[in-house]
Amino acid sequence: MLDVTRLRVLAAVARHGSVTAAARALNYAQPSVSHHLARLEAETGTRLIERFGRGVRLTEAGRLLAGRAEEILGRLDAAEHELAAHVGRREERIRIAGFPSALATMVPAAAARLRADNPGVELLLAEAEPQGAVRMLRAGRVDMALVFAYLQQDTAGTQPAAGRPEAAVVPRARAGQQAGTGQQAGTGQQAGTGQHAGTEQQSLAGGFTDQDDGVRARLLLDEPVHLVTQAGTAVPARTAGSRLASYAEHRWIAGCERCRTHLLWQCERAGFTPQIAFTTDDVLVAQALAAAGLGIALLPDLALRAARHPGIRTEPLPGARRQVLALSYGDPPGPPAAERLLGALAEAAEARTAP
């Protein structure tokens, strides 16, 4: 069995880039770090580090094991904290990573509800885009990741778009359902009409999870995506096809990688390639550019709830949807505080109002 201390040493070398820096971070003597690495190589039967110039670097096997070591150590830290909270030696702690508009809307509302009922819960927040939040979750640096995925289907609404990284379709369900189970969050009851969220299983949770990685997803919000233009300008005459095609000759404002991919896909469906004049991850900047008449943007409902520029006009784009999911690690139920927060997040998303 692999020794946890030696895994911690390997992870430190990977993180800090050298034996000396790892020793300093761990408050170990440098020979002690080298000894642990040598013992770990003996245990695994493979080379984990190699000389590189005046320092060392990880081999392919070393990088693989270091990545797993980060996950293992993160899980151990989370388990230690949960156990300490359970026996009363430490207050409950929930660490969340999420994208900005979720942190500005659902999370404060949910945190206020959670704090009112559980004043001893400590909530720690980190801003991260979906892929980064998932990496933090799998490494054990957070307990929950708030992510989003765009629904991308063909005009028949049955098949994902082919050959695109955002083609993964999250099964449709009411906010608060457990993706893949049809269970209402926090109640165990069937939601809505009783249809299962897992009837379409194309890459559960937009490619963020699979059946084997231990990450589970809960659908919080299924929201429209809006066409954002300058207020007061004449609306172009509707062309043959979609509303989007009416703006084919305009300049466009693209967002993050996922948002940009969705924009390109929507425009492709409408029969044109957009002229992207600006790219920004900041929804406030995107709105300001649109308000100045410098481009057209596609923004989801949550981004407009977080902050809305007075100089824009918005209209829901038919067929354009985005889903917001809460990802957690391990089989349900999770830690009590995390489960209570999930319920509060589902309520905040359903209320569709900022705190």
Protein backbone atom coordinates (compact mmCIF):
# COMPACT_ATOMS: atom_id res chain seq x y z
CA MET A 1 0.00 0.00 0.00
CA LEU A 2 1.28 3.47 -0.87
CA ASP A 3 2.43 5.60 2.03
CA VAL A 4 0.44 8.83 2.45
CA THR A 5 3.44 10.82 3.66
CA ARG A 6 5.41 9.88 0.56
CA LEU A 7 2.46 10.79 -1.65
CA ARG A 8 2.38 14.18 0.07
CA VAL A 9 6.08 14.64 -0.71
CA LEU A 10 5.59 13.73 -4.37
CA ALA A 11 2.64 16.12 -4.65
CA ALA A 12 4.75 18.89 -3.11
CA VAL A 13 7.56 18.31 -5.61
CA ALA A 14 5.04 18.43 -8.47
CA ARG A 15 3.45 21.59 -7.11
CA HIS A 16 6.62 23.51 -6.28
CA GLY A 17 8.88 22.24 -9.05
CA SER A 18 11.94 21.15 -7.09
CA VAL A 19 13.08 19.05 -4.14
CA THR A 20 14.40 22.15 -2.37
CA ALA A 21 11.15 24.07 -2.70
CA ALA A 22 9.12 21.03 -1.65
CA ALA A 23 11.30 20.58 1.44
CA ARG A 24 10.81 24.23 2.33
CA ALA A 25 7.02 24.01 1.90
CA LEU A 26 6.78 20.82 3.98
CA ASN A 27 9.29 22.02 6.57
CA TYR A 28 11.41 18.94 5.89
CA ALA A 29 15.14 18.60 5.45
CA GLN A 30 16.06 18.17 1.78
CA PRO A 31 17.64 14.70 2.34
CA SER A 32 14.36 13.61 3.96
CA VAL A 33 12.41 14.57 0.84
CA SER A 34 14.88 12.69 -1.36
CA HIS A 35 14.61 9.65 0.93
CA HIS A 36 10.79 9.64 0.74
CA LEU A 37 10.92 9.89 -3.05
CA ALA A 38 13.38 7.00 -3.27
CA ARG A 39 11.19 4.86 -1.01
CA LEU A 40 8.10 5.70 -3.07
CA GLU A 41 9.90 4.64 -6.25
CA ALA A 42 10.82 1.36 -4.54
CA GLU A 43 7.19 0.83 -3.49
CA THR A 44 5.83 1.51 -6.98
CA GLY A 45 8.65 -0.21 -8.87
CA THR A 46 9.05 2.65 -11.34
CA ARG A 47 10.97 5.89 -11.80
CA LEU A 48 8.95 8.87 -10.65
CA ILE A 49 11.53 11.66 -10.99
CA GLU A 50 14.53 12.21 -13.22
CA ARG A 51 17.44 14.61 -13.32
CA PHE A 52 16.88 17.65 -15.50
CA GLY A 53 19.68 20.18 -15.66
CA ARG A 54 20.54 21.12 -12.09
CA GLY A 55 17.14 20.04 -10.81
CA VAL A 56 14.57 17.27 -11.23
CA ARG A 57 11.35 16.76 -13.09
CA LEU A 58 8.61 14.18 -12.86
CA THR A 59 8.45 11.30 -15.30
CA GLU A 60 5.16 10.44 -16.98
CA ALA A 61 4.51 7.92 -14.21
CA GLY A 62 5.41 10.55 -11.63
CA ARG A 63 2.96 13.06 -13.09
CA LEU A 64 0.22 10.44 -13.13
CA LEU A 65 0.80 9.47 -9.50
CA ALA A 66 1.19 13.10 -8.39
CA GLY A 67 -2.20 13.95 -9.90
CA ARG A 68 -3.83 11.07 -8.05
CA ALA A 69 -1.95 12.01 -4.90
CA GLU A 70 -3.55 15.49 -4.99
CA GLU A 71 -6.99 13.87 -5.15
CA ILE A 72 -6.21 11.40 -2.36
CA LEU A 73 -4.77 14.04 -0.06
CA GLY A 74 -7.69 16.37 -0.75
CA ARG A 75 -10.16 13.62 0.09
CA LEU A 76 -8.27 12.80 3.29
CA ASP A 77 -8.32 16.45 4.34
CA ALA A 78 -12.07 16.65 3.65
CA ALA A 79 -12.70 13.44 5.60
CA GLU A 80 -10.65 14.72 8.56
CA HIS A 81 -12.61 17.97 8.63
CA GLU A 82 -15.99 16.22 8.32
CA LEU A 83 -15.14 13.82 11.13
CA ALA A 84 -13.95 16.65 13.36
CA ALA A 85 -17.19 18.53 12.69
CA HIS A 86 -19.18 15.37 13.43
CA VAL A 87 -17.64 14.87 16.86
CA GLY A 88 -17.92 18.57 17.66
CA ARG A 89 -14.27 19.58 17.61
CA ARG A 90 -14.62 21.89 14.61
CA GLU A 91 -17.41 23.84 12.95
CA GLU A 92 -18.79 22.53 9.67
CA ARG A 93 -17.09 23.88 6.57
CA ILE A 94 -18.21 23.95 2.96
CA ARG A 95 -15.83 25.03 0.20
CA ILE A 96 -17.41 26.04 -3.10
CA ALA A 97 -15.90 26.89 -6.47
CA GLY A 98 -18.18 28.50 -9.01
CA PHE A 99 -18.49 30.88 -11.92
CA PRO A 100 -19.04 34.60 -11.19
CA SER A 101 -22.75 35.01 -11.98
CA ALA A 102 -23.65 32.04 -9.77
CA LEU A 103 -21.53 33.42 -6.94
CA ALA A 104 -23.29 36.77 -7.34
CA THR A 105 -26.86 35.43 -7.31
CA MET A 106 -27.73 31.93 -6.13
CA VAL A 107 -24.86 31.48 -3.69
CA PRO A 108 -25.45 34.59 -1.52
CA ALA A 109 -29.17 33.82 -1.34
CA ALA A 110 -28.50 30.18 -0.43
CA ALA A 111 -25.76 31.11 2.05
CA ALA A 112 -28.10 33.52 3.83
CA ARG A 113 -30.73 30.79 4.17
CA LEU A 114 -28.15 28.29 5.36
CA ARG A 115 -26.63 30.71 7.88
CA ALA A 116 -30.08 31.55 9.30
CA ASP A 117 -30.71 27.88 10.14
CA ASN A 118 -27.08 26.84 10.77
CA PRO A 119 -25.07 29.81 12.10
CA GLY A 120 -22.05 27.62 12.83
CA VAL A 121 -21.41 26.64 9.20
CA GLU A 122 -18.30 28.18 7.61
CA LEU A 123 -18.66 28.89 3.89
CA LEU A 124 -15.56 29.42 1.73
CA LEU A 125 -15.88 30.61 -1.88
CA ALA A 126 -13.51 30.47 -4.84
CA GLU A 127 -14.20 31.89 -8.29
CA ALA A 128 -13.50 29.45 -11.11
CA GLU A 129 -14.81 28.66 -14.56
CA PRO A 130 -16.39 25.19 -14.95
CA GLN A 131 -13.35 23.13 -15.89
CA GLY A 132 -11.23 24.73 -13.20
CA ALA A 133 -13.94 24.18 -10.60
CA VAL A 134 -14.15 20.50 -11.54
CA ARG A 135 -10.38 20.12 -11.21
CA MET A 136 -10.56 21.68 -7.74
CA LEU A 137 -13.38 19.32 -6.78
CA ARG A 138 -11.55 16.21 -7.95
CA ALA A 139 -8.38 17.35 -6.18
CA GLY A 140 -10.33 17.75 -2.94
CA ARG A 141 -9.70 21.50 -2.70
CA VAL A 142 -13.45 22.21 -2.69
CA ASP A 143 -16.52 20.27 -1.62
CA MET A 144 -18.83 21.54 -4.34
CA ALA A 145 -18.44 22.91 -7.86
CA LEU A 146 -21.05 25.08 -9.57
CA VAL A 147 -20.79 24.65 -13.33
CA PHE A 148 -22.83 25.34 -16.44
CA ALA A 149 -23.43 23.51 -19.69
CA TYR A 150 -25.27 24.69 -22.79
CA LEU A 151 -27.91 22.47 -24.32
CA GLN A 152 -27.01 22.00 -27.95
CA GLN A 153 -29.41 19.96 -30.03
CA ASP A 154 -30.39 19.92 -33.66
CA THR A 155 -33.67 21.37 -34.87
CA ALA A 156 -35.44 18.13 -34.05
CA GLY A 157 -34.23 18.47 -30.47
CA THR A 158 -33.13 14.86 -30.21
CA GLN A 159 -29.48 14.60 -31.16
CA PRO A 160 -26.43 16.51 -29.93
CA ALA A 161 -24.48 18.57 -32.44
CA ALA A 162 -21.73 16.44 -33.93
CA GLY A 163 -18.04 17.08 -33.57
CA ARG A 164 -18.13 19.96 -31.09
CA PRO A 165 -16.74 20.05 -27.54
CA GLU A 166 -20.06 21.44 -26.24
CA ALA A 167 -22.19 18.80 -27.94
CA ALA A 168 -22.74 16.99 -24.64
CA VAL A 169 -26.37 17.36 -23.65
CA VAL A 170 -27.49 17.62 -20.05
CA PRO A 171 -30.80 15.78 -19.62
CA ARG A 172 -33.64 18.27 -19.21
CA ALA A 173 -35.22 18.41 -15.77
CA ARG A 174 -36.79 20.89 -13.43
CA ALA A 175 -34.46 22.91 -11.26
CA GLY A 176 -33.59 20.97 -8.13
CA GLN A 177 -33.56 17.51 -9.72
CA GLN A 178 -30.70 15.10 -9.34
CA ALA A 179 -29.36 14.69 -12.86
CA GLY A 180 -29.69 11.08 -13.92
CA THR A 181 -32.20 10.15 -11.19
CA GLY A 182 -35.23 12.41 -11.50
CA GLN A 183 -35.18 12.91 -7.72
CA GLN A 184 -36.17 16.29 -6.34
CA ALA A 185 -33.23 17.80 -4.47
CA GLY A 186 -33.56 17.38 -0.74
CA THR A 187 -36.98 15.66 -0.89
CA GLY A 188 -36.55 12.33 -2.67
CA GLN A 189 -39.81 13.01 -4.57
CA GLN A 190 -40.35 12.92 -8.29
CA ALA A 191 -40.25 16.40 -9.73
CA GLY A 192 -42.60 18.01 -12.22
CA THR A 193 -44.40 15.40 -14.29
CA GLY A 194 -42.41 12.55 -12.83
CA GLN A 195 -40.26 12.10 -15.91
CA HIS A 196 -36.75 11.00 -15.14
CA ALA A 197 -33.95 13.45 -15.75
CA GLY A 198 -31.88 10.50 -16.90
CA THR A 199 -34.04 9.42 -19.83
CA GLU A 200 -31.45 10.99 -22.13
CA GLN A 201 -28.02 9.91 -20.97
CA GLN A 202 -25.81 11.68 -23.51
CA SER A 203 -22.78 12.48 -21.37
CA LEU A 204 -24.35 13.25 -18.00
CA ALA A 205 -23.80 16.82 -16.81
CA GLY A 206 -22.38 18.19 -20.02
CA GLY A 207 -19.24 16.06 -19.92
CA PHE A 208 -18.33 17.03 -16.35
CA THR A 209 -19.01 13.57 -14.90
CA ASP A 210 -19.11 9.95 -15.91
CA GLN A 211 -20.34 6.84 -14.15
CA ASP A 212 -16.95 5.93 -12.74
CA ASP A 213 -15.28 9.08 -11.48
CA GLY A 214 -17.31 9.50 -8.27
CA VAL A 215 -18.60 12.97 -9.16
CA ARG A 216 -22.38 13.37 -8.98
CA ALA A 217 -24.43 16.19 -10.47
CA ARG A 218 -27.57 17.95 -9.33
CA LEU A 219 -29.46 20.19 -11.71
CA LEU A 220 -30.20 23.57 -10.15
CA LEU A 221 -31.42 25.73 -13.01
CA ASP A 222 -32.53 25.40 -16.62
CA GLU A 223 -32.46 28.95 -17.97
CA PRO A 224 -32.98 30.79 -21.25
CA VAL A 225 -30.18 32.46 -23.20
CA HIS A 226 -30.87 36.02 -24.34
CA LEU A 227 -29.96 38.00 -27.42
CA VAL A 228 -28.43 41.24 -26.08
CA THR A 229 -28.45 44.37 -28.23
CA GLN A 230 -28.29 48.14 -27.79
CA ALA A 231 -31.46 49.65 -26.33
CA GLY A 232 -33.40 51.99 -28.60
CA THR A 233 -32.03 50.69 -31.89
CA ALA A 234 -34.35 49.44 -34.59
CA VAL A 235 -34.92 45.71 -34.56
CA PRO A 236 -33.85 44.21 -37.92
CA ALA A 237 -36.62 42.78 -40.05
CA ARG A 238 -36.90 39.05 -39.41
CA THR A 239 -35.17 37.08 -42.13
CA ALA A 240 -36.08 33.61 -43.26
CA GLY A 241 -35.09 31.25 -40.49
CA SER A 242 -34.34 32.24 -36.90
CA ARG A 243 -34.27 35.59 -35.11
CA LEU A 244 -30.50 35.18 -34.89
CA ALA A 245 -30.19 35.33 -38.68
CA SER A 246 -31.56 38.90 -38.57
CA TYR A 247 -28.26 39.96 -37.01
CA ALA A 248 -25.98 38.08 -39.39
CA GLU A 249 -24.36 41.29 -40.68
CA HIS A 250 -23.66 42.69 -37.21
CA ARG A 251 -20.49 42.37 -35.17
CA TRP A 252 -20.56 39.99 -32.22
CA ILE A 253 -19.20 39.78 -28.68
CA ALA A 254 -17.96 36.34 -27.58
CA GLY A 255 -17.48 35.11 -24.04
CA CYS A 256 -15.56 32.27 -22.39
CA GLU A 257 -14.59 29.19 -24.39
CA ARG A 258 -17.86 27.39 -23.66
CA CYS A 259 -19.96 30.49 -24.36
CA ARG A 260 -18.05 31.20 -27.57
CA THR A 261 -18.57 27.62 -28.77
CA HIS A 262 -22.28 27.93 -28.08
CA LEU A 263 -22.45 31.25 -29.97
CA LEU A 264 -20.71 29.73 -33.00
CA TRP A 265 -23.03 26.73 -32.91
CA GLN A 266 -26.17 28.85 -32.71
CA CYS A 267 -25.02 31.07 -35.58
CA GLU A 268 -24.11 28.03 -37.65
CA ARG A 269 -27.65 26.70 -37.16
CA ALA A 270 -28.96 30.09 -38.31
CA GLY A 271 -26.88 29.83 -41.48
CA PHE A 272 -24.02 32.28 -40.96
CA THR A 273 -20.60 32.66 -39.38
CA PRO A 274 -20.49 35.53 -36.87
CA GLN A 275 -17.96 38.34 -37.18
CA ILE A 276 -16.53 38.30 -33.64
CA ALA A 277 -15.19 41.75 -32.83
CA PHE A 278 -14.65 41.37 -29.07
CA THR A 279 -13.98 38.54 -26.64
CA THR A 280 -14.48 38.97 -22.90
CA ASP A 281 -15.25 36.70 -19.94
CA ASP A 282 -16.78 39.66 -18.06
CA VAL A 283 -20.55 39.90 -18.58
CA LEU A 284 -20.49 43.55 -17.47
CA VAL A 285 -18.01 44.36 -20.22
CA ALA A 286 -20.09 42.42 -22.75
CA GLN A 287 -23.19 44.36 -21.77
CA ALA A 288 -21.36 47.69 -21.91
CA LEU A 289 -20.09 46.91 -25.41
CA ALA A 290 -23.58 45.96 -26.53
CA ALA A 291 -25.04 49.11 -24.93
CA ALA A 292 -22.54 51.20 -26.89
CA GLY A 293 -23.71 49.59 -30.12
CA LEU A 294 -20.39 47.84 -30.69
CA GLY A 295 -21.71 44.31 -30.99
CA ILE A 296 -24.36 41.70 -30.24
CA ALA A 297 -24.00 39.22 -27.38
CA LEU A 298 -25.65 36.03 -26.17
CA LEU A 299 -25.98 36.02 -22.38
CA PRO A 300 -27.79 33.55 -20.11
CA ASP A 301 -30.49 34.68 -17.71
CA LEU A 302 -28.29 34.31 -14.62
CA ALA A 303 -25.69 36.72 -16.01
CA LEU A 304 -28.40 39.34 -16.49
CA ARG A 305 -29.75 38.74 -12.99
CA ALA A 306 -26.28 39.31 -11.52
CA ALA A 307 -26.04 42.79 -13.10
CA ARG A 308 -27.94 44.46 -15.90
CA HIS A 309 -26.76 47.46 -17.90
CA PRO A 310 -29.54 50.04 -18.41
CA GLY A 311 -28.55 50.56 -22.02
CA ILE A 312 -29.31 47.09 -23.36
CA ARG A 313 -32.33 45.33 -24.78
CA THR A 314 -32.74 41.59 -24.29
CA GLU A 315 -34.97 38.94 -25.78
CA PRO A 316 -34.89 35.20 -25.12
CA LEU A 317 -33.47 33.29 -28.07
CA PRO A 318 -35.86 30.45 -28.94
CA GLY A 319 -34.33 27.06 -28.32
CA ALA A 320 -31.23 28.41 -26.55
CA ARG A 321 -30.88 27.03 -23.02
CA ARG A 322 -28.17 26.73 -20.39
CA GLN A 323 -28.19 24.51 -17.33
CA VAL A 324 -26.49 25.20 -14.02
CA LEU A 325 -25.40 22.17 -12.00
CA ALA A 326 -23.93 21.53 -8.58
CA LEU A 327 -21.25 18.83 -8.61
CA SER A 328 -20.13 17.01 -5.50
CA TYR A 329 -17.95 14.01 -4.79
CA GLY A 330 -18.95 10.59 -3.55
CA ASP A 331 -22.20 8.70 -3.11
CA PRO A 332 -25.17 10.48 -1.55
CA PRO A 333 -25.87 11.63 1.00
CA GLY A 334 -22.92 13.96 1.41
CA PRO A 335 -21.94 15.81 4.59
CA PRO A 336 -25.04 17.26 6.28
CA ALA A 337 -24.01 20.89 5.77
CA ALA A 338 -23.34 20.30 2.07
CA GLU A 339 -26.71 18.61 1.61
CA ARG A 340 -28.43 21.53 3.35
CA LEU A 341 -26.60 23.95 1.08
CA LEU A 342 -27.68 21.99 -2.00
CA GLY A 343 -31.27 22.33 -0.90
CA ALA A 344 -30.82 26.07 -0.31
CA LEU A 345 -29.20 26.49 -3.72
CA ALA A 346 -32.12 24.69 -5.39
CA GLU A 347 -34.57 26.98 -3.58
CA ALA A 348 -32.59 30.08 -4.54
CA ALA A 349 -32.45 28.98 -8.18
CA GLU A 350 -36.18 28.23 -8.21
CA ALA A 351 -36.97 31.64 -6.72
CA ARG A 352 -35.05 33.24 -9.63
CA THR A 353 -34.34 36.35 -7.59
CA ALA A 354 -31.05 37.79 -6.37
CA PRO A 355 -30.72 38.29 -2.58
